Structure formats: structure tokens, C-alpha cells
């Protein structure tokens, strides 16, 4: 998170040098500081939402990977049983012919 450095003293001095009263300069600095704080808070909230979105995506991806692994295991086990049955049938057929 980056922080914006804001020199309020220099800003007030520049406003006073341009002809604005010190009271008006202080009011402008206060308003600008409040705006910066609000912007910073909103920026932080939007980053938190982004992190939450990333975490949700990670969880969905992990779930999808787990489902794919389970389906792969079912296919491998099924293919193993099918091969075993085929080999057993061939051995029975060959042994009956001997």
C-alpha cells in the first residue's frame, strides 16, 4: 500500500503567498486532507475486495481440481476392472481350448 505524503504547512504557505487568508488556507487544507483520507479508505476497501475475489477463485479452482481427481480415479479403477475381466475371460477361453 502506497502512502501519499502531503505537506500541509507548505500548502498553507503557498496559499497565503497567493493572497488567500490563513483561515481560508487552513480550511482548504483540512478539506483536502479529508478527501485524501476518504480516497485512501476507499482504495483500501477495493483492494480488500480484490483479495477476497482472488481467494474465492482459489477455492473454486481447488474444488474443481478435487472433482477432476475423483473422476480420474473412477475412470482408472473402472478401466482396471475392465482389463482384469478381459484378461480373465481370455485365460478361461484359452484354458478351455487346451
Protein backbone atom coordinates (compact mmCIF):
# COMPACT_ATOMS: atom_id res chain seq x y z
CA UNK A 1 0.00 0.00 0.00
CA UNK A 2 1.46 3.34 -1.02
CA UNK A 3 1.05 6.42 1.15
CA UNK A 4 0.74 9.90 -0.26
CA UNK A 5 2.91 12.45 1.54
CA UNK A 6 1.11 15.78 1.89
CA UNK A 7 2.98 18.74 3.38
CA UNK A 8 0.16 20.81 4.86
CA UNK A 9 2.49 23.56 6.09
CA UNK A 10 3.95 24.14 2.62
CA UNK A 11 0.46 24.07 1.10
CA UNK A 12 -0.84 26.68 3.58
CA UNK A 13 2.24 28.85 2.98
CA UNK A 14 1.76 28.67 -0.81
CA UNK A 15 -1.94 29.60 -0.47
CA UNK A 16 -1.08 32.52 1.83
CA UNK A 17 1.61 33.71 -0.62
CA UNK A 18 -1.01 33.72 -3.38
CA UNK A 19 -3.23 36.08 -1.37
CA UNK A 20 -5.59 33.72 0.47
CA UNK A 21 -6.09 34.36 4.19
CA UNK A 22 -4.63 31.90 6.66
CA UNK A 23 -8.11 30.90 7.82
CA UNK A 24 -9.20 30.07 4.26
CA UNK A 25 -5.93 28.24 3.60
CA UNK A 26 -6.37 26.10 6.71
CA UNK A 27 -9.96 25.29 5.71
CA UNK A 28 -8.79 24.22 2.25
CA UNK A 29 -6.02 22.06 3.72
CA UNK A 30 -8.50 20.43 6.09
CA UNK A 31 -10.93 19.72 3.25
CA UNK A 32 -8.16 18.33 1.04
CA UNK A 33 -6.80 16.16 3.87
CA UNK A 34 -10.29 14.75 4.46
CA UNK A 35 -10.62 13.98 0.75
CA UNK A 36 -7.26 12.19 0.76
CA UNK A 37 -8.28 10.12 3.79
CA UNK A 38 -11.58 9.12 2.17
CA UNK A 39 -9.81 8.21 -1.08
CA UNK A 40 -7.27 6.15 0.87
CA UNK A 41 -10.04 4.33 2.76
CA UNK A 42 -11.95 3.54 -0.45
CA UNK A 43 -8.79 2.36 -2.15
CA UNK A 44 -8.05 0.05 0.77
CA UNK A 45 -11.59 -1.35 0.68
CA UNK A 46 -11.40 -2.04 -3.04
CA UNK A 47 -8.07 -3.85 -2.57
CA UNK A 48 -9.61 -5.96 0.19
CA UNK A 49 -12.46 -6.90 -2.11
CA UNK A 50 -9.96 -7.86 -4.78
CA UNK A 51 -8.10 -10.09 -2.33
CA UNK A 52 -11.41 -11.70 -1.36
CA UNK A 53 -12.24 -12.29 -5.02
CA UNK A 54 -8.87 -13.95 -5.53
CA UNK A 55 -9.43 -16.20 -2.50
CA UNK A 56 -12.89 -17.18 -3.79
CA UNK A 57 -11.38 -18.02 -7.16
CA UNK A 58 -8.70 -20.13 -5.47
CA UNK A 59 -11.34 -22.06 -3.54
CA UNK A 60 -13.39 -22.69 -6.69
CA UNK A 61 -10.28 -23.88 -8.50
CA UNK A 62 -9.33 -26.21 -5.64
CA UNK A 63 -12.85 -27.66 -5.70
CA UNK A 64 -12.69 -28.18 -9.45
CA UNK A 65 -9.29 -29.90 -9.13
CA UNK A 66 -10.66 -32.21 -6.42
CA UNK A 67 -13.66 -33.12 -8.60
CA UNK A 68 -11.37 -33.83 -11.56
CA UNK A 69 -9.13 -36.05 -9.42
CA UNK A 70 -12.13 -38.03 -8.19
CA UNK A 71 -13.42 -38.51 -11.74
CA UNK A 72 -9.96 -39.59 -12.93
CA UNK A 73 -9.70 -42.16 -10.15
CA UNK A 74 -13.15 -43.56 -11.08
CA UNK A 75 -12.08 -43.93 -14.72
CA UNK A 76 -8.77 -45.59 -13.82
CA UNK A 77 -10.42 -48.03 -11.42
CA UNK A 78 -13.13 -48.82 -14.00
CA UNK A 79 -10.53 -49.39 -16.73
CA UNK A 80 -8.56 -51.64 -14.34
CA UNK A 81 -11.60 -53.80 -13.64
CA UNK A 82 -12.41 -53.99 -17.35
CA UNK A 83 -8.84 -55.09 -18.18
CA UNK A 84 -8.90 -57.68 -15.41
CA UNK A 85 -12.22 -59.06 -16.65
CA UNK A 86 -10.97 -59.18 -20.25
CA UNK A 87 -7.75 -60.97 -19.30
CA UNK A 88 -9.66 -63.45 -17.11
CA UNK A 89 -12.12 -64.15 -19.95
CA UNK A 90 -9.27 -64.72 -22.39
CA UNK A 91 -7.46 -67.05 -19.98
CA UNK A 92 -10.67 -69.04 -19.42
CA UNK A 93 -11.25 -69.25 -23.19
CA UNK A 94 -7.63 -70.34 -23.80
CA UNK A 95 -7.66 -72.90 -20.96
CA UNK A 96 -10.94 -74.41 -22.23
CA UNK A 97 -9.33 -74.96 -25.64
CA UNK A 98 -6.34 -76.88 -24.23
